[in-house]
């Protein structure tokens, strides 16, 4: 089990016991759809997402050090080496994904979490580049990426999201290890 600490945050791998706190924030329709999934309908729904998507060695539950049992979001890497990645990604690269419960927006929590996971990706996973995407119109996500040095690379005009069963416009940014150093 991997754990990462920052000034305010404790990032750790998910467990099924996290379902109630995930549901507390993931049921909000302002959270899921901009991250690419529907609002959770029940604690069982959150448990399903944790089991199917969040329980990965490089995906972390975001918790505050003052309350490490309460999951307030997610930040993590999907490594090409683990069979993940878009067609434009290469071995030695990963995509970072994240979401945060609405009560914690605007407090600098996500940039802090992203910075920690980027460091983990480059130092511990020996990645050469980390990609990040944001749905067209999601300016909060765009800003969070820019604050960490991610640079715009390209846009996919019709990207299919099978979870939401819809086509979206997705913008992709990239941070290379050389730029990060």
N, C-alpha and C. Protein backbone atom coordinates (compact mmCIF):
# COMPACT_ATOMS: atom_id res chain seq x y z
N UNK A 1 0.85 -1.18 0.00
CA UNK A 1 0.00 0.00 0.00
C UNK A 1 0.90 1.25 0.00
N UNK A 2 0.66 2.10 -0.97
CA UNK A 2 1.46 3.32 -1.09
C UNK A 2 0.77 4.47 -0.38
N UNK A 3 1.57 5.27 0.31
CA UNK A 3 1.05 6.45 1.00
C UNK A 3 1.93 7.63 0.66
N UNK A 4 1.30 8.78 0.43
CA UNK A 4 2.02 10.02 0.13
C UNK A 4 1.47 11.09 1.06
N UNK A 5 2.38 11.86 1.67
CA UNK A 5 1.94 12.95 2.54
C UNK A 5 2.42 14.28 1.98
N UNK A 6 1.57 15.29 2.12
CA UNK A 6 1.92 16.66 1.79
C UNK A 6 1.71 17.49 3.05
N UNK A 7 1.78 18.79 2.95
CA UNK A 7 1.56 19.64 4.13
C UNK A 7 0.21 19.37 4.78
N UNK A 8 -0.85 19.29 3.94
CA UNK A 8 -2.20 19.15 4.49
C UNK A 8 -2.86 17.81 4.21
N UNK A 9 -2.28 17.04 3.27
CA UNK A 9 -2.98 15.87 2.76
C UNK A 9 -2.28 14.56 3.08
N UNK A 10 -3.10 13.53 3.14
CA UNK A 10 -2.64 12.16 3.26
C UNK A 10 -3.28 11.42 2.10
N UNK A 11 -2.45 10.97 1.15
CA UNK A 11 -2.92 10.24 -0.03
C UNK A 11 -2.61 8.77 0.20
N UNK A 12 -3.61 7.93 0.00
CA UNK A 12 -3.44 6.50 0.23
C UNK A 12 -4.30 5.73 -0.76
N UNK A 13 -4.03 4.43 -0.90
CA UNK A 13 -4.84 3.61 -1.78
C UNK A 13 -6.25 3.46 -1.20
N UNK A 14 -7.21 3.25 -2.07
CA UNK A 14 -8.60 3.08 -1.68
C UNK A 14 -8.85 1.70 -1.07
N UNK A 15 -9.87 1.65 -0.20
CA UNK A 15 -10.41 0.39 0.30
C UNK A 15 -11.93 0.45 0.11
N UNK A 16 -12.58 -0.70 0.16
CA UNK A 16 -14.04 -0.72 0.02
C UNK A 16 -14.72 0.01 1.17
N UNK A 17 -14.05 0.11 2.31
CA UNK A 17 -14.60 0.84 3.46
C UNK A 17 -14.73 2.33 3.18
N UNK A 18 -14.11 2.82 2.10
CA UNK A 18 -14.20 4.24 1.75
C UNK A 18 -15.52 4.60 1.05
N UNK A 19 -16.34 3.61 0.72
CA UNK A 19 -17.56 3.86 -0.07
C UNK A 19 -18.47 4.92 0.54
N UNK A 20 -18.77 4.91 1.84
CA UNK A 20 -19.67 5.94 2.37
C UNK A 20 -19.14 7.37 2.19
N UNK A 21 -17.84 7.59 2.42
CA UNK A 21 -17.33 8.96 2.26
C UNK A 21 -17.21 9.34 0.78
N UNK A 22 -16.89 8.38 -0.08
CA UNK A 22 -16.86 8.66 -1.52
C UNK A 22 -18.26 9.07 -1.97
N UNK A 23 -19.26 8.32 -1.55
CA UNK A 23 -20.64 8.61 -1.95
C UNK A 23 -21.07 10.01 -1.52
N UNK A 24 -20.65 10.42 -0.33
CA UNK A 24 -21.00 11.75 0.20
C UNK A 24 -20.69 12.86 -0.80
N UNK A 25 -19.58 12.73 -1.56
CA UNK A 25 -19.18 13.76 -2.52
C UNK A 25 -19.48 13.38 -3.96
N UNK A 26 -19.43 12.09 -4.27
CA UNK A 26 -19.60 11.63 -5.65
C UNK A 26 -21.07 11.64 -6.10
N UNK A 27 -22.00 11.81 -5.18
CA UNK A 27 -23.42 11.89 -5.57
C UNK A 27 -23.76 13.28 -6.14
N UNK A 28 -22.89 14.24 -5.92
CA UNK A 28 -23.10 15.61 -6.37
C UNK A 28 -22.99 15.68 -7.90
N UNK A 29 -24.03 16.14 -8.59
CA UNK A 29 -23.97 16.21 -10.06
C UNK A 29 -22.95 17.21 -10.60
N UNK A 30 -22.37 18.05 -9.74
CA UNK A 30 -21.32 18.97 -10.18
C UNK A 30 -19.95 18.30 -10.22
N UNK A 31 -19.83 17.11 -9.63
CA UNK A 31 -18.53 16.45 -9.51
C UNK A 31 -18.29 15.42 -10.60
N UNK A 32 -19.12 14.40 -10.67
CA UNK A 32 -18.88 13.27 -11.57
C UNK A 32 -18.85 13.57 -13.05
N UNK A 33 -19.88 14.20 -13.59
CA UNK A 33 -19.91 14.40 -15.04
C UNK A 33 -18.72 15.17 -15.61
N UNK A 34 -18.16 16.14 -14.88
CA UNK A 34 -16.98 16.85 -15.42
C UNK A 34 -15.73 15.98 -15.32
N UNK A 35 -15.79 14.95 -14.46
CA UNK A 35 -14.67 14.01 -14.33
C UNK A 35 -14.86 12.79 -15.24
N UNK A 36 -16.04 12.66 -15.82
CA UNK A 36 -16.25 11.57 -16.77
C UNK A 36 -17.10 10.42 -16.31
N UNK A 37 -17.82 10.59 -15.21
CA UNK A 37 -18.70 9.52 -14.74
C UNK A 37 -19.98 10.12 -14.15
N UNK A 38 -21.06 9.32 -14.11
CA UNK A 38 -22.33 9.84 -13.60
C UNK A 38 -22.30 9.99 -12.08
N UNK A 39 -23.16 10.87 -11.55
CA UNK A 39 -23.26 10.97 -10.09
C UNK A 39 -23.60 9.60 -9.50
N UNK A 40 -22.97 9.27 -8.39
CA UNK A 40 -23.25 7.99 -7.73
C UNK A 40 -24.65 8.04 -7.13
N UNK A 41 -25.36 6.93 -7.24
CA UNK A 41 -26.75 6.85 -6.79
C UNK A 41 -26.89 6.25 -5.40
N UNK A 42 -25.84 5.59 -4.90
CA UNK A 42 -25.92 4.93 -3.59
C UNK A 42 -24.51 4.61 -3.11
N UNK A 43 -24.40 4.20 -1.86
CA UNK A 43 -23.11 3.76 -1.33
C UNK A 43 -22.65 2.53 -2.10
N UNK A 44 -23.58 1.66 -2.48
CA UNK A 44 -23.24 0.47 -3.27
C UNK A 44 -22.65 0.88 -4.62
N UNK A 45 -23.18 1.92 -5.21
CA UNK A 45 -22.66 2.45 -6.47
C UNK A 45 -21.22 2.92 -6.28
N UNK A 46 -20.95 3.65 -5.20
CA UNK A 46 -19.59 4.10 -4.90
C UNK A 46 -18.67 2.91 -4.67
N UNK A 47 -19.16 1.88 -3.98
CA UNK A 47 -18.36 0.68 -3.74
C UNK A 47 -17.98 0.03 -5.08
N UNK A 48 -18.92 0.01 -6.03
CA UNK A 48 -18.65 -0.55 -7.36
C UNK A 48 -17.54 0.24 -8.06
N UNK A 49 -17.62 1.56 -8.05
CA UNK A 49 -16.59 2.39 -8.69
C UNK A 49 -15.23 2.20 -8.02
N UNK A 50 -15.22 2.10 -6.70
CA UNK A 50 -13.96 1.86 -5.99
C UNK A 50 -13.37 0.54 -6.45
N UNK A 51 -14.18 -0.50 -6.45
CA UNK A 51 -13.70 -1.84 -6.81
C UNK A 51 -13.25 -1.93 -8.26
N UNK A 52 -14.01 -1.33 -9.17
CA UNK A 52 -13.72 -1.45 -10.60
C UNK A 52 -12.66 -0.47 -11.11
N UNK A 53 -12.59 0.72 -10.55
CA UNK A 53 -11.75 1.77 -11.11
C UNK A 53 -10.73 2.36 -10.15
N UNK A 54 -11.08 2.50 -8.87
CA UNK A 54 -10.23 3.24 -7.95
C UNK A 54 -9.18 2.38 -7.25
N UNK A 55 -9.39 1.06 -7.20
CA UNK A 55 -8.45 0.19 -6.48
C UNK A 55 -7.33 -0.23 -7.43
N UNK A 56 -6.41 0.67 -7.62
CA UNK A 56 -5.26 0.48 -8.49
C UNK A 56 -4.04 0.96 -7.70
N UNK A 57 -2.87 0.37 -7.92
CA UNK A 57 -1.72 0.76 -7.08
C UNK A 57 -1.30 2.22 -7.19
N UNK A 58 -1.66 2.88 -8.29
CA UNK A 58 -1.23 4.26 -8.49
C UNK A 58 -2.38 5.26 -8.41
N UNK A 59 -3.52 4.83 -7.85
CA UNK A 59 -4.69 5.70 -7.65
C UNK A 59 -4.83 5.92 -6.14
N UNK A 60 -5.00 7.19 -5.76
CA UNK A 60 -4.99 7.53 -4.33
C UNK A 60 -6.26 8.25 -3.89
N UNK A 61 -6.72 7.85 -2.71
CA UNK A 61 -7.80 8.57 -2.03
C UNK A 61 -7.17 9.83 -1.43
N UNK A 62 -7.83 10.96 -1.64
CA UNK A 62 -7.37 12.21 -1.04
C UNK A 62 -8.07 12.36 0.30
N UNK A 63 -7.29 12.51 1.35
CA UNK A 63 -7.85 12.76 2.68
C UNK A 63 -7.06 13.91 3.31
N UNK A 64 -7.70 14.60 4.21
CA UNK A 64 -7.00 15.63 4.98
C UNK A 64 -6.27 14.94 6.13
N UNK A 65 -5.09 15.42 6.48
CA UNK A 65 -4.35 14.83 7.59
C UNK A 65 -5.16 14.89 8.89
N UNK A 66 -6.00 15.90 8.99
CA UNK A 66 -6.82 16.05 10.20
C UNK A 66 -7.96 15.04 10.28
N UNK A 67 -8.28 14.37 9.16
CA UNK A 67 -9.36 13.38 9.13
C UNK A 67 -9.08 12.33 8.05
N UNK A 68 -8.07 11.47 8.24
CA UNK A 68 -7.65 10.55 7.19
C UNK A 68 -8.66 9.46 6.83
N UNK A 69 -9.71 9.31 7.61
CA UNK A 69 -10.74 8.30 7.29
C UNK A 69 -11.72 8.83 6.24
N UNK A 70 -11.86 10.15 6.13
CA UNK A 70 -12.85 10.74 5.24
C UNK A 70 -12.23 11.06 3.88
N UNK A 71 -12.60 10.29 2.87
CA UNK A 71 -12.09 10.51 1.51
C UNK A 71 -12.83 11.69 0.90
N UNK A 72 -12.08 12.70 0.43
CA UNK A 72 -12.70 13.90 -0.16
C UNK A 72 -12.49 13.98 -1.67
N UNK A 73 -11.71 13.04 -2.21
CA UNK A 73 -11.47 13.05 -3.65
C UNK A 73 -10.52 11.95 -4.06
N UNK A 74 -10.06 12.05 -5.29
CA UNK A 74 -9.17 11.06 -5.89
C UNK A 74 -8.13 11.77 -6.73
N UNK A 75 -6.92 11.23 -6.72
CA UNK A 75 -5.87 11.66 -7.64
C UNK A 75 -5.05 10.42 -7.95
N UNK A 76 -4.70 10.22 -9.20
CA UNK A 76 -3.93 9.03 -9.50
C UNK A 76 -3.43 8.96 -10.92
N UNK A 77 -2.61 7.96 -11.16
CA UNK A 77 -1.98 7.75 -12.45
C UNK A 77 -2.45 6.44 -13.07
N UNK A 78 -2.74 6.50 -14.35
CA UNK A 78 -3.02 5.30 -15.14
C UNK A 78 -1.84 5.13 -16.07
N UNK A 79 -0.99 4.14 -15.76
CA UNK A 79 0.25 3.93 -16.50
C UNK A 79 0.00 3.15 -17.78
N UNK A 80 0.64 3.56 -18.86
CA UNK A 80 0.57 2.83 -20.12
C UNK A 80 1.07 1.41 -19.90
N UNK A 81 2.11 1.25 -19.07
CA UNK A 81 2.69 -0.07 -18.79
C UNK A 81 1.68 -1.02 -18.15
N UNK A 82 0.65 -0.48 -17.50
CA UNK A 82 -0.38 -1.31 -16.87
C UNK A 82 -1.55 -1.59 -17.81
N UNK A 83 -1.37 -1.26 -19.10
CA UNK A 83 -2.42 -1.52 -20.08
C UNK A 83 -3.40 -0.37 -20.23
N UNK A 84 -3.10 0.75 -19.63
CA UNK A 84 -3.95 1.93 -19.75
C UNK A 84 -3.34 2.89 -20.75
N UNK A 85 -4.05 3.91 -21.07
CA UNK A 85 -3.48 4.95 -21.93
C UNK A 85 -4.24 5.11 -23.23
N UNK A 86 -4.17 6.31 -23.75
CA UNK A 86 -4.80 6.65 -25.01
C UNK A 86 -3.85 6.28 -26.16
N UNK A 87 -4.35 6.28 -27.38
CA UNK A 87 -3.54 5.86 -28.52
C UNK A 87 -2.34 6.76 -28.79
N UNK A 88 -2.34 7.98 -28.29
CA UNK A 88 -1.22 8.90 -28.51
C UNK A 88 -0.15 8.78 -27.42
N UNK A 89 -0.38 7.94 -26.42
CA UNK A 89 0.56 7.80 -25.32
C UNK A 89 1.54 6.66 -25.59
N UNK A 90 2.74 6.79 -25.03
CA UNK A 90 3.82 5.82 -25.23
C UNK A 90 4.13 5.10 -23.91
N UNK A 91 4.89 4.01 -24.00
CA UNK A 91 5.40 3.36 -22.79
C UNK A 91 6.23 4.38 -22.01
N UNK A 92 6.20 4.30 -20.70
CA UNK A 92 6.92 5.27 -19.88
C UNK A 92 6.13 6.54 -19.64
N UNK A 93 4.84 6.52 -20.03
CA UNK A 93 3.96 7.67 -19.83
C UNK A 93 2.73 7.22 -19.05
N UNK A 94 1.99 8.18 -18.54
CA UNK A 94 0.78 7.90 -17.79
C UNK A 94 -0.18 9.07 -17.95
N UNK A 95 -1.42 8.82 -17.59
CA UNK A 95 -2.41 9.89 -17.55
C UNK A 95 -2.81 10.09 -16.10
N UNK A 96 -2.85 11.33 -15.67
CA UNK A 96 -3.28 11.64 -14.31
C UNK A 96 -4.76 11.99 -14.36
N UNK A 97 -5.48 11.51 -13.36
CA UNK A 97 -6.90 11.86 -13.26
C UNK A 97 -7.18 12.27 -11.82
N UNK A 98 -8.26 13.02 -11.65
CA UNK A 98 -8.57 13.52 -10.32
C UNK A 98 -10.01 14.03 -10.25
N UNK A 99 -10.52 14.06 -9.04
CA UNK A 99 -11.78 14.74 -8.73
C UNK A 99 -11.74 15.11 -7.25
N UNK A 100 -12.54 16.10 -6.89
CA UNK A 100 -12.55 16.59 -5.52
C UNK A 100 -13.97 16.98 -5.13
N UNK A 101 -14.36 16.64 -3.91
CA UNK A 101 -15.67 17.02 -3.40
C UNK A 101 -15.84 18.54 -3.40
N UNK A 102 -17.03 18.99 -3.78
CA UNK A 102 -17.29 20.43 -3.94
C UNK A 102 -16.96 21.28 -2.71
N UNK A 103 -17.21 20.81 -1.46
CA UNK A 103 -16.89 21.67 -0.31
C UNK A 103 -15.40 22.03 -0.21
N UNK A 104 -14.54 21.32 -0.96
CA UNK A 104 -13.10 21.54 -0.86
C UNK A 104 -12.53 22.29 -2.06
N UNK A 105 -13.39 22.70 -2.98
CA UNK A 105 -12.95 23.45 -4.16
C UNK A 105 -12.40 24.81 -3.72
N UNK A 106 -11.43 25.31 -4.47
CA UNK A 106 -10.91 26.66 -4.26
C UNK A 106 -10.00 26.82 -3.07
N UNK A 107 -9.52 25.71 -2.48
CA UNK A 107 -8.64 25.79 -1.31
C UNK A 107 -7.20 25.37 -1.62
N UNK A 108 -6.92 25.12 -2.91
CA UNK A 108 -5.57 24.71 -3.29
C UNK A 108 -5.26 23.24 -3.01
N UNK A 109 -6.28 22.48 -2.65
CA UNK A 109 -6.09 21.07 -2.32
C UNK A 109 -5.69 20.27 -3.56
N UNK A 110 -6.39 20.50 -4.68
CA UNK A 110 -6.08 19.69 -5.86
C UNK A 110 -4.70 19.99 -6.42
N UNK A 111 -4.27 21.25 -6.55
CA UNK A 111 -2.89 21.46 -6.99
C UNK A 111 -1.86 20.79 -6.07
N UNK A 112 -2.12 20.79 -4.78
CA UNK A 112 -1.21 20.14 -3.82
C UNK A 112 -1.17 18.63 -4.06
N UNK A 113 -2.34 18.04 -4.31
CA UNK A 113 -2.42 16.60 -4.56
C UNK A 113 -1.78 16.24 -5.91
N UNK A 114 -2.04 17.04 -6.93
CA UNK A 114 -1.46 16.79 -8.25
C UNK A 114 0.06 16.87 -8.17
N UNK A 115 0.57 17.89 -7.51
CA UNK A 115 2.03 18.05 -7.39
C UNK A 115 2.64 16.81 -6.73
N UNK A 116 2.01 16.30 -5.69
CA UNK A 116 2.54 15.12 -4.99
C UNK A 116 2.54 13.89 -5.89
N UNK A 117 1.48 13.71 -6.67
CA UNK A 117 1.39 12.53 -7.53
C UNK A 117 2.30 12.67 -8.75
N UNK A 118 2.49 13.87 -9.24
CA UNK A 118 3.45 14.09 -10.34
C UNK A 118 4.86 13.72 -9.85
N UNK A 119 5.22 14.17 -8.66
CA UNK A 119 6.53 13.82 -8.09
C UNK A 119 6.66 12.31 -7.95
N UNK A 120 5.62 11.67 -7.44
CA UNK A 120 5.60 10.21 -7.31
C UNK A 120 5.78 9.55 -8.68
N UNK A 121 5.09 10.05 -9.69
CA UNK A 121 5.17 9.47 -11.03
C UNK A 121 6.57 9.56 -11.63
N UNK A 122 7.18 10.71 -11.51
CA UNK A 122 8.51 10.89 -12.09
C UNK A 122 9.61 10.23 -11.26
N UNK A 123 9.50 10.30 -9.93
CA UNK A 123 10.56 9.75 -9.08
C UNK A 123 10.40 8.26 -8.79
N UNK A 124 9.20 7.82 -8.47
CA UNK A 124 9.00 6.43 -8.06
C UNK A 124 8.60 5.50 -9.21
N UNK A 125 7.90 6.02 -10.20
CA UNK A 125 7.46 5.19 -11.33
C UNK A 125 8.35 5.38 -12.56
N UNK A 126 9.32 6.28 -12.48
CA UNK A 126 10.26 6.57 -13.56
C UNK A 126 9.56 6.91 -14.88
N UNK A 127 8.49 7.68 -14.79
CA UNK A 127 7.77 8.11 -15.99
C UNK A 127 8.58 9.17 -16.73
N UNK A 128 8.37 9.24 -18.03
CA UNK A 128 9.02 10.26 -18.86
C UNK A 128 8.06 11.41 -19.19
N UNK A 129 6.75 11.13 -19.11
CA UNK A 129 5.75 12.17 -19.36
C UNK A 129 4.45 11.79 -18.67
N UNK A 130 3.72 12.80 -18.25
CA UNK A 130 2.39 12.60 -17.65
C UNK A 130 1.41 13.46 -18.44
N UNK A 131 0.35 12.84 -18.89
CA UNK A 131 -0.72 13.50 -19.65
C UNK A 131 -1.87 13.81 -18.71
N UNK A 132 -2.65 14.79 -19.09
CA UNK A 132 -3.85 15.11 -18.35
C UNK A 132 -4.88 15.65 -19.33
N UNK A 133 -6.13 15.24 -19.15
CA UNK A 133 -7.18 15.74 -20.01
C UNK A 133 -8.21 16.51 -19.22
N UNK A 134 -8.88 17.41 -19.90
CA UNK A 134 -10.01 18.08 -19.26
C UNK A 134 -11.11 18.27 -20.30
N UNK A 135 -12.33 18.07 -19.83
CA UNK A 135 -13.51 18.21 -20.66
C UNK A 135 -13.68 19.68 -21.06
N UNK A 136 -14.06 19.91 -22.29
CA UNK A 136 -14.26 21.28 -22.78
C UNK A 136 -15.16 22.04 -21.82
N UNK A 137 -14.73 23.22 -21.40
CA UNK A 137 -15.51 24.05 -20.49
C UNK A 137 -15.14 23.89 -19.03
N UNK A 138 -14.34 22.88 -18.68
CA UNK A 138 -13.94 22.67 -17.29
C UNK A 138 -12.71 23.52 -16.99
N UNK A 139 -12.93 24.80 -16.75
CA UNK A 139 -11.83 25.74 -16.55
C UNK A 139 -11.08 25.51 -15.24
N UNK A 140 -11.77 24.97 -14.21
CA UNK A 140 -11.09 24.67 -12.94
C UNK A 140 -10.00 23.63 -13.17
N UNK A 141 -10.33 22.61 -13.94
CA UNK A 141 -9.36 21.55 -14.21
C UNK A 141 -8.21 22.08 -15.07
N UNK A 142 -8.54 22.89 -16.05
CA UNK A 142 -7.51 23.50 -16.90
C UNK A 142 -6.53 24.30 -16.04
N UNK A 143 -7.05 25.12 -15.12
CA UNK A 143 -6.19 25.93 -14.25
C UNK A 143 -5.33 25.06 -13.33
N UNK A 144 -5.93 24.00 -12.79
CA UNK A 144 -5.17 23.11 -11.90
C UNK A 144 -3.98 22.49 -12.63
N UNK A 145 -4.19 22.14 -13.91
CA UNK A 145 -3.11 21.56 -14.71
C UNK A 145 -2.03 22.60 -15.02
N UNK A 146 -2.46 23.79 -15.41
CA UNK A 146 -1.50 24.84 -15.75
C UNK A 146 -0.63 25.22 -14.54
N UNK A 147 -1.23 25.22 -13.34
CA UNK A 147 -0.48 25.56 -12.13
C UNK A 147 0.66 24.58 -11.87
N UNK A 148 0.52 23.36 -12.39
CA UNK A 148 1.55 22.35 -12.19
C UNK A 148 2.53 22.25 -13.36
N UNK A 149 2.39 23.14 -14.35
CA UNK A 149 3.32 23.16 -15.46
C UNK A 149 2.91 22.35 -16.68
N UNK A 150 1.71 21.77 -16.64
CA UNK A 150 1.22 21.03 -17.81
C UNK A 150 0.98 22.03 -18.95
N UNK A 151 1.37 21.62 -20.15
CA UNK A 151 1.23 22.48 -21.33
C UNK A 151 0.27 21.85 -22.32
N UNK A 152 -0.57 22.69 -22.93
CA UNK A 152 -1.53 22.21 -23.92
C UNK A 152 -0.81 21.45 -25.03
N UNK A 153 -1.36 20.30 -25.41
CA UNK A 153 -0.79 19.50 -26.49
C UNK A 153 -1.74 19.37 -27.68
N UNK A 154 -2.97 18.93 -27.42
CA UNK A 154 -3.93 18.76 -28.52
C UNK A 154 -5.35 18.59 -27.99
N UNK A 155 -6.31 18.65 -28.90
CA UNK A 155 -7.72 18.48 -28.58
C UNK A 155 -8.29 17.33 -29.41
N UNK A 156 -9.09 16.49 -28.77
CA UNK A 156 -9.84 15.46 -29.48
C UNK A 156 -11.28 15.96 -29.56
N UNK A 157 -11.75 16.22 -30.77
CA UNK A 157 -13.07 16.84 -30.96
C UNK A 157 -14.23 15.90 -30.65
N UNK A 158 -14.06 14.61 -30.89
CA UNK A 158 -15.14 13.65 -30.64
C UNK A 158 -14.58 12.44 -29.92
N UNK A 159 -14.41 12.57 -28.61
CA UNK A 159 -13.90 11.46 -27.81
C UNK A 159 -15.09 10.77 -27.15
N UNK A 160 -15.18 9.48 -27.32
CA UNK A 160 -16.31 8.74 -26.75
C UNK A 160 -16.02 8.37 -25.31
N UNK A 161 -16.96 8.70 -24.43
CA UNK A 161 -16.89 8.31 -23.03
C UNK A 161 -17.89 7.19 -22.82
N UNK A 162 -17.42 5.93 -22.70
CA UNK A 162 -18.35 4.81 -22.56
C UNK A 162 -19.12 4.81 -21.24
N UNK A 163 -18.55 5.40 -20.19
CA UNK A 163 -19.23 5.43 -18.89
C UNK A 163 -20.47 6.32 -18.95
N UNK A 164 -20.35 7.47 -19.63
CA UNK A 164 -21.49 8.38 -19.77
C UNK A 164 -22.23 8.17 -21.09
N UNK A 165 -21.69 7.29 -21.96
CA UNK A 165 -22.29 7.00 -23.26
C UNK A 165 -22.52 8.28 -24.06
N UNK A 166 -21.46 9.08 -24.18
CA UNK A 166 -21.55 10.33 -24.91
C UNK A 166 -20.21 10.69 -25.53
N UNK A 167 -20.26 11.53 -26.56
CA UNK A 167 -19.05 12.08 -27.15
C UNK A 167 -18.78 13.43 -26.50
N UNK A 168 -17.51 13.68 -26.20
CA UNK A 168 -17.13 14.94 -25.58
C UNK A 168 -15.96 15.54 -26.35
N UNK A 169 -15.72 16.83 -26.14
CA UNK A 169 -14.51 17.49 -26.61
C UNK A 169 -13.55 17.46 -25.43
N UNK A 170 -12.38 16.84 -25.64
CA UNK A 170 -11.40 16.69 -24.57
C UNK A 170 -10.09 17.35 -24.99
N UNK A 171 -9.57 18.20 -24.10
CA UNK A 171 -8.29 18.87 -24.32
C UNK A 171 -7.23 18.13 -23.52
N UNK A 172 -6.06 17.91 -24.12
CA UNK A 172 -4.99 17.18 -23.45
C UNK A 172 -3.78 18.07 -23.23
N UNK A 173 -3.25 17.99 -22.01
CA UNK A 173 -2.04 18.70 -21.65
C UNK A 173 -0.99 17.64 -21.28
N UNK A 174 0.27 18.08 -21.27
CA UNK A 174 1.36 17.14 -21.04
C UNK A 174 2.45 17.83 -20.22
N UNK A 175 3.05 17.05 -19.32
CA UNK A 175 4.21 17.50 -18.56
C UNK A 175 5.29 16.45 -18.74
N UNK A 176 6.41 16.85 -19.31
CA UNK A 176 7.52 15.91 -19.47
C UNK A 176 8.40 15.95 -18.22
N UNK A 177 9.14 14.87 -18.03
CA UNK A 177 10.04 14.82 -16.88
C UNK A 177 11.10 15.93 -16.99
N UNK A 178 11.58 16.18 -18.22
CA UNK A 178 12.58 17.24 -18.44
C UNK A 178 12.03 18.60 -18.04
N UNK A 179 10.79 18.91 -18.42
CA UNK A 179 10.18 20.19 -18.03
C UNK A 179 9.95 20.26 -16.52
N UNK A 180 9.58 19.14 -15.93
CA UNK A 180 9.31 19.08 -14.49
C UNK A 180 10.60 19.35 -13.69
N UNK A 181 11.71 18.78 -14.17
CA UNK A 181 12.98 18.94 -13.46
C UNK A 181 13.45 20.38 -13.55
